[in-house]
Amino acid sequence: MNDFACVGGKLSGFYNFQILDAESKRIKRETGWFSNLITNHGLDRILRASLIAPYCRVGVGSSAPNVNNLQLDQQIASTSSRVSEVYGATSEPPYYGWYRITYEFGVGGVVGNITEVGVSESATKSDLFSRALIVDSAGNPTAVAVQADEILQVVYECRAYPNTDDVPFDLQVGNTIHSGVWRPAYITNGNYWGGNILGYRGSGRNSIYLGLHNGAIGPITGYPSGTRAMESSGEPLRFDGAPYLRTNHKFGLNVANLSGGITSALYYPFNSSYGGIIGAYQCSFDPPISKDNTRILTLQMQHSWDRR
């Protein structure tokens, strides 16, 4: 088996509180965007669950967010009412994919001065994906007052920032060392870079593909040229506490016997409507990898992520 790591991305998140009039549903007040801290538990849950953040929680605590937070300080309410879920990607630098959820606490669902917020897989269990103190425009902790006749909407946006620099690597196949670079692909496509951040969709973790090509590596907005030989992955290998996954890809005797050899590859979800990994990645091989119908090629990929 031949292992080579895939360049991963950096994650960040932001909240915005909106106070709505109960009758007109118009926004009366809002905080503007402020950043969160994605927890260690949150990093570990990436690509493990179909829904990482179906719940939003609010509270009145004041301790600084910590990577080990699993609960709010003093939770007073939670909701699983999600009135909007959208995703996409930026079309110009800085490039990132995003997934945005709007949670709603109905009239009377939250009353008081809210100081902290988090999103999670459940209403009360120790499973926070992220936590933040509400802050003003100067970054100082503050409170959001919600009256009994008002609606609270909390908007959470999680972003995935790819590394846009070429990252070199060496890969040994048999007795030959192949040099190459990793580079993101389809970087402006929100289906790849935004849709899977807060949980895989479709057939999920079993839908990760490695396509081998006999053409040149493409630009960051595209993908490799040439003929593609595809093989799907089996169940990814994950380890508790490790913010990465590995996938094994086996190309049998009659697969990927490309004219001129294998010169590039594309690592990506099964298609733009399914989950698997966050984003899409491509790489080059120099010299080309030679393969014919007497050889089986197995490659193990690694996809990683961290906080930004």
Protein backbone atom coordinates (compact mmCIF):
# COMPACT_ATOMS: atom_id res chain seq x y z
CA MET A 1 0.00 0.00 0.00
CA ASN A 2 1.22 3.49 -0.84
CA ASP A 3 0.29 6.35 1.54
CA PHE A 4 0.31 10.02 0.77
CA ALA A 5 -1.43 12.82 2.68
CA CYS A 6 -4.03 15.10 1.19
CA VAL A 7 -3.90 18.79 2.03
CA GLY A 8 -6.79 19.73 4.29
CA GLY A 9 -8.57 22.92 5.24
CA LYS A 10 -9.07 25.29 8.15
CA LEU A 11 -12.46 25.82 9.80
CA SER A 12 -13.96 28.85 11.48
CA GLY A 13 -17.44 29.89 12.56
CA PHE A 14 -19.50 33.01 13.20
CA TYR A 15 -22.77 33.89 14.94
CA ASN A 16 -25.31 36.66 14.39
CA PHE A 17 -28.27 37.29 16.73
CA GLN A 18 -31.45 38.79 15.26
CA ILE A 19 -34.40 39.95 17.38
CA LEU A 20 -37.66 39.90 15.43
CA ASP A 21 -41.02 41.50 16.03
CA ALA A 22 -43.49 38.70 16.71
CA GLU A 23 -46.21 40.11 14.44
CA SER A 24 -44.36 41.58 11.49
CA LYS A 25 -41.36 39.21 11.68
CA ARG A 26 -39.15 42.17 10.87
CA ILE A 27 -35.70 42.44 12.44
CA LYS A 28 -35.72 44.95 15.29
CA ARG A 29 -32.13 44.50 16.47
CA GLU A 30 -29.11 42.39 15.58
CA THR A 31 -25.60 41.92 16.88
CA GLY A 32 -23.72 41.58 13.61
CA TRP A 33 -21.29 38.70 13.08
CA PHE A 34 -18.94 37.60 15.86
CA SER A 35 -16.59 34.62 15.90
CA ASN A 36 -16.84 31.33 17.77
CA LEU A 37 -14.46 28.67 19.06
CA ILE A 38 -14.86 25.24 17.49
CA THR A 39 -14.28 22.69 20.26
CA ASN A 40 -12.05 19.63 20.20
CA HIS A 41 -15.22 17.55 20.27
CA GLY A 42 -16.46 19.52 17.27
CA LEU A 43 -13.31 18.82 15.26
CA ASP A 44 -13.61 15.14 16.09
CA ARG A 45 -17.23 15.03 14.88
CA ILE A 46 -16.41 16.37 11.41
CA LEU A 47 -17.45 13.74 8.83
CA ARG A 48 -18.65 11.39 11.58
CA ALA A 49 -22.28 12.51 11.75
CA SER A 50 -24.98 13.34 9.22
CA LEU A 51 -25.93 16.38 11.33
CA ILE A 52 -23.27 17.98 13.53
CA ALA A 53 -25.24 21.04 14.62
CA PRO A 54 -29.01 20.46 14.49
CA TYR A 55 -29.46 22.28 17.84
CA CYS A 56 -28.67 25.79 19.00
CA ARG A 57 -28.30 26.54 22.72
CA VAL A 58 -28.23 29.88 24.53
CA GLY A 59 -27.27 30.72 28.06
CA VAL A 60 -26.21 33.32 30.61
CA GLY A 61 -22.65 32.16 31.38
CA SER A 62 -19.54 34.31 31.18
CA SER A 63 -16.43 32.10 31.15
CA ALA A 64 -14.13 32.39 28.16
CA PRO A 65 -14.68 29.69 25.51
CA ASN A 66 -12.30 26.74 25.79
CA VAL A 67 -11.49 24.00 23.28
CA ASN A 68 -12.61 21.44 25.86
CA ASN A 69 -16.08 22.96 26.37
CA LEU A 70 -18.83 20.39 25.99
CA GLN A 71 -21.62 22.43 27.58
CA LEU A 72 -22.59 26.06 27.99
CA ASP A 73 -21.88 27.60 31.39
CA GLN A 74 -25.53 28.23 32.23
CA GLN A 75 -27.88 27.06 29.51
CA ILE A 76 -31.42 28.43 29.63
CA ALA A 77 -32.90 27.27 26.31
CA SER A 78 -32.30 25.23 23.17
CA THR A 79 -34.03 24.78 19.82
CA SER A 80 -33.92 22.44 16.87
CA SER A 81 -36.11 24.72 14.75
CA ARG A 82 -34.02 25.54 11.68
CA VAL A 83 -35.85 27.97 9.43
CA SER A 84 -33.09 28.20 6.84
CA GLU A 85 -30.09 26.14 5.71
CA VAL A 86 -27.98 27.38 2.80
CA TYR A 87 -24.43 26.83 1.59
CA GLY A 88 -22.04 28.06 -1.03
CA ALA A 89 -18.51 29.25 -1.79
CA THR A 90 -16.84 32.55 -2.53
CA SER A 91 -15.92 33.35 -6.13
CA GLU A 92 -12.81 35.39 -5.32
CA PRO A 93 -10.14 35.53 -2.58
CA PRO A 94 -10.24 34.83 0.25
CA TYR A 95 -11.64 31.51 -0.95
CA TYR A 96 -13.83 29.52 1.41
CA GLY A 97 -16.91 27.36 1.43
CA TRP A 98 -19.67 28.12 3.90
CA TYR A 99 -22.72 26.50 5.47
CA ARG A 100 -25.24 28.75 7.22
CA ILE A 101 -28.08 27.70 9.52
CA THR A 102 -30.74 30.02 10.95
CA TYR A 103 -32.22 28.72 14.21
CA GLU A 104 -35.40 30.16 15.68
CA PHE A 105 -36.62 30.43 19.27
CA GLY A 106 -40.33 31.20 19.11
CA VAL A 107 -42.21 33.87 21.05
CA GLY A 108 -41.48 33.34 24.74
CA GLY A 109 -38.92 30.63 23.95
CA VAL A 110 -36.14 32.83 25.28
CA VAL A 111 -36.67 35.70 27.70
CA GLY A 112 -33.82 37.52 29.38
CA ASN A 113 -30.28 38.73 28.79
CA ILE A 114 -28.36 36.17 26.73
CA THR A 115 -24.57 36.12 26.99
CA GLU A 116 -23.41 32.81 25.46
CA VAL A 117 -24.31 30.55 22.56
CA GLY A 118 -23.37 27.19 21.08
CA VAL A 119 -24.46 24.64 18.46
CA SER A 120 -24.54 20.90 19.05
CA GLU A 121 -25.91 17.49 18.10
CA SER A 122 -28.40 17.42 20.98
CA ALA A 123 -30.37 19.74 23.25
CA THR A 124 -28.58 18.97 26.52
CA LYS A 125 -25.83 16.36 26.12
CA SER A 126 -22.10 17.11 26.34
CA ASP A 127 -21.57 17.54 22.61
CA LEU A 128 -20.98 21.20 21.74
CA PHE A 129 -19.55 21.73 18.27
CA SER A 130 -18.82 25.38 19.00
CA ARG A 131 -19.24 27.96 21.75
CA ALA A 132 -18.99 31.75 21.91
CA LEU A 133 -19.62 34.66 24.22
CA ILE A 134 -21.70 37.40 22.63
CA VAL A 135 -19.47 40.41 22.00
CA ASP A 136 -19.98 43.96 20.76
CA SER A 137 -18.27 45.59 17.77
CA ALA A 138 -15.17 46.22 19.90
CA GLY A 139 -14.94 42.55 20.91
CA ASN A 140 -16.10 43.09 24.50
CA PRO A 141 -18.55 40.62 26.12
CA THR A 142 -22.10 41.91 26.12
CA ALA A 143 -25.67 40.66 26.46
CA VAL A 144 -28.61 40.44 24.08
CA ALA A 145 -31.95 41.27 25.67
CA VAL A 146 -34.94 39.28 24.44
CA GLN A 147 -38.44 40.26 25.56
CA ALA A 148 -41.43 37.97 26.04
CA ASP A 149 -43.10 39.26 22.86
CA GLU A 150 -40.07 38.84 20.61
CA ILE A 151 -38.58 36.08 18.45
CA LEU A 152 -34.89 35.23 18.64
CA GLN A 153 -33.11 33.98 15.54
CA VAL A 154 -29.51 32.81 15.78
CA VAL A 155 -27.58 32.50 12.52
CA TYR A 156 -24.51 30.27 12.54
CA GLU A 157 -22.08 30.15 9.63
CA CYS A 158 -19.24 27.63 9.47
CA ARG A 159 -16.51 28.20 6.89
CA ALA A 160 -13.89 25.91 5.33
CA TYR A 161 -10.78 27.67 4.01
CA PRO A 162 -8.63 25.61 1.62
CA ASN A 163 -4.89 26.01 1.38
CA THR A 164 -4.49 27.61 -2.04
CA ASP A 165 -0.71 27.10 -2.16
CA ASP A 166 0.78 24.10 -3.95
CA VAL A 167 2.07 21.62 -1.36
CA PRO A 168 4.86 19.31 -2.59
CA PHE A 169 5.10 15.60 -1.75
CA ASP A 170 7.03 12.47 -2.67
CA LEU A 171 5.32 9.12 -3.17
CA GLN A 172 7.06 5.77 -3.60
CA VAL A 173 5.34 3.24 -5.85
CA GLY A 174 7.41 0.08 -6.16
CA ASN A 175 11.01 1.21 -6.56
CA THR A 176 10.15 4.60 -8.07
CA ILE A 177 9.83 7.91 -6.24
CA HIS A 178 7.17 10.17 -7.77
CA SER A 179 7.21 13.88 -6.93
CA GLY A 180 4.14 16.07 -7.14
CA VAL A 181 2.06 18.82 -5.61
CA TRP A 182 -1.31 18.89 -3.90
CA ARG A 183 -3.72 21.65 -4.93
CA PRO A 184 -7.41 22.32 -4.21
CA ALA A 185 -9.94 21.74 -6.99
CA TYR A 186 -13.38 23.19 -7.81
CA ILE A 187 -12.55 25.89 -5.25
CA THR A 188 -15.52 28.12 -6.13
CA ASN A 189 -18.04 25.26 -6.12
CA GLY A 190 -20.21 25.46 -3.00
CA ASN A 191 -21.45 21.89 -3.40
CA TYR A 192 -17.95 20.59 -2.75
CA TRP A 193 -16.62 23.24 -0.35
CA GLY A 194 -19.75 24.26 1.56
CA GLY A 195 -22.28 21.47 1.52
CA ASN A 196 -20.47 18.95 3.73
CA ILE A 197 -19.04 21.14 6.50
CA LEU A 198 -21.76 20.54 9.10
CA GLY A 199 -22.54 16.96 8.18
CA TYR A 200 -22.39 14.65 5.19
CA ARG A 201 -25.32 14.39 2.81
CA GLY A 202 -26.55 11.62 0.54
CA SER A 203 -24.67 8.34 1.02
CA GLY A 204 -22.09 10.15 3.06
CA ARG A 205 -18.81 8.68 4.20
CA ASN A 206 -18.82 5.82 1.70
CA SER A 207 -18.94 8.19 -1.27
CA ILE A 208 -15.32 9.33 -1.47
CA TYR A 209 -13.66 8.86 -4.83
CA LEU A 210 -10.11 8.96 -6.12
CA GLY A 211 -9.92 9.51 -9.85
CA LEU A 212 -6.62 8.86 -11.67
CA HIS A 213 -5.88 10.86 -14.83
CA ASN A 214 -3.37 10.88 -17.67
CA GLY A 215 -3.58 14.64 -18.16
CA ALA A 216 -2.16 17.72 -16.44
CA ILE A 217 -3.22 19.00 -13.03
CA GLY A 218 -5.79 21.79 -13.36
CA PRO A 219 -6.20 25.29 -11.86
CA ILE A 220 -7.68 25.68 -8.37
CA THR A 221 -11.08 26.36 -9.94
CA GLY A 222 -10.90 23.23 -12.08
CA TYR A 223 -9.63 19.64 -12.11
CA PRO A 224 -7.09 17.46 -13.96
CA SER A 225 -7.44 16.90 -17.69
CA GLY A 226 -7.24 13.65 -19.60
CA THR A 227 -8.95 10.29 -19.19
CA ARG A 228 -10.18 9.49 -15.66
CA ALA A 229 -10.24 6.05 -14.06
CA MET A 230 -12.45 6.07 -10.96
CA GLU A 231 -12.49 3.78 -7.95
CA SER A 232 -14.64 4.38 -4.88
CA SER A 233 -13.44 4.11 -1.31
CA GLY A 234 -14.43 1.67 1.35
CA GLU A 235 -15.30 2.84 4.85
CA PRO A 236 -12.86 5.59 5.87
CA LEU A 237 -10.50 4.89 8.76
CA ARG A 238 -10.97 7.26 11.71
CA PHE A 239 -9.45 7.43 15.17
CA ASP A 240 -11.06 9.05 18.22
CA GLY A 241 -9.65 12.51 18.80
CA ALA A 242 -7.91 12.69 15.41
CA PRO A 243 -9.13 15.45 13.07
CA TYR A 244 -8.53 13.49 9.88
CA LEU A 245 -9.71 10.45 8.01
CA ARG A 246 -7.98 7.98 5.72
CA THR A 247 -9.47 6.17 2.78
CA ASN A 248 -8.16 3.16 0.85
CA HIS A 249 -8.46 3.09 -2.93
CA LYS A 250 -7.70 -0.08 -4.89
CA PHE A 251 -7.24 -0.06 -8.66
CA GLY A 252 -7.51 -3.60 -10.00
CA LEU A 253 -5.75 -5.32 -12.87
CA ASN A 254 -8.05 -3.87 -15.53
CA VAL A 255 -8.48 -0.39 -14.07
CA ALA A 256 -6.42 2.79 -14.57
CA ASN A 257 -4.18 1.35 -17.28
CA LEU A 258 -3.93 4.78 -18.83
CA SER A 259 -2.04 5.68 -21.98
CA GLY A 260 1.15 7.52 -21.04
CA GLY A 261 0.76 6.57 -17.38
CA ILE A 262 -0.96 8.22 -14.40
CA THR A 263 0.05 11.87 -14.27
CA SER A 264 -2.55 13.37 -11.92
CA ALA A 265 -5.40 12.53 -9.54
CA LEU A 266 -8.62 14.02 -8.17
CA TYR A 267 -9.84 13.26 -4.64
CA TYR A 268 -13.45 14.26 -4.17
CA PRO A 269 -16.96 13.33 -2.97
CA PHE A 270 -18.93 10.95 -5.21
CA ASN A 271 -20.72 13.90 -6.81
CA SER A 272 -21.78 17.42 -5.95
CA SER A 273 -24.91 16.25 -4.11
CA TYR A 274 -23.22 13.85 -1.69
CA GLY A 275 -20.91 14.06 1.26
CA GLY A 276 -17.64 12.36 1.96
CA ILE A 277 -14.94 14.95 2.44
CA ILE A 278 -14.85 18.73 2.75
CA GLY A 279 -13.83 20.08 -0.63
CA ALA A 280 -12.02 18.50 -3.55
CA TYR A 281 -8.27 18.10 -4.12
CA GLN A 282 -5.99 17.30 -7.03
CA CYS A 283 -2.35 16.33 -7.38
CA SER A 284 0.34 15.65 -9.98
CA PHE A 285 2.84 12.78 -10.41
CA ASP A 286 6.28 13.13 -11.96
CA PRO A 287 7.35 10.79 -13.43
CA PRO A 288 3.96 9.29 -14.34
CA ILE A 289 2.94 6.15 -12.44
CA SER A 290 3.13 3.18 -14.80
CA LYS A 291 0.34 0.59 -14.52
CA ASP A 292 -0.85 -2.23 -16.73
CA ASN A 293 -3.07 -5.32 -16.43
CA THR A 294 -0.43 -7.21 -14.46
CA ARG A 295 -0.36 -4.75 -11.54
CA ILE A 296 -2.78 -3.73 -8.78
CA LEU A 297 -2.33 -0.23 -7.37
CA THR A 298 -3.54 0.65 -3.87
CA LEU A 299 -3.34 4.21 -2.53
CA GLN A 300 -4.26 5.39 0.95
CA MET A 301 -5.38 9.01 1.17
CA GLN A 302 -5.50 11.25 4.24
CA HIS A 303 -7.77 14.28 4.55
CA SER A 304 -7.27 16.59 7.55
CA TRP A 305 -8.76 19.76 9.02
CA ASP A 306 -8.15 22.14 11.91
CA ARG A 307 -9.26 25.49 13.30
CA ARG A 308 -8.38 28.64 11.41
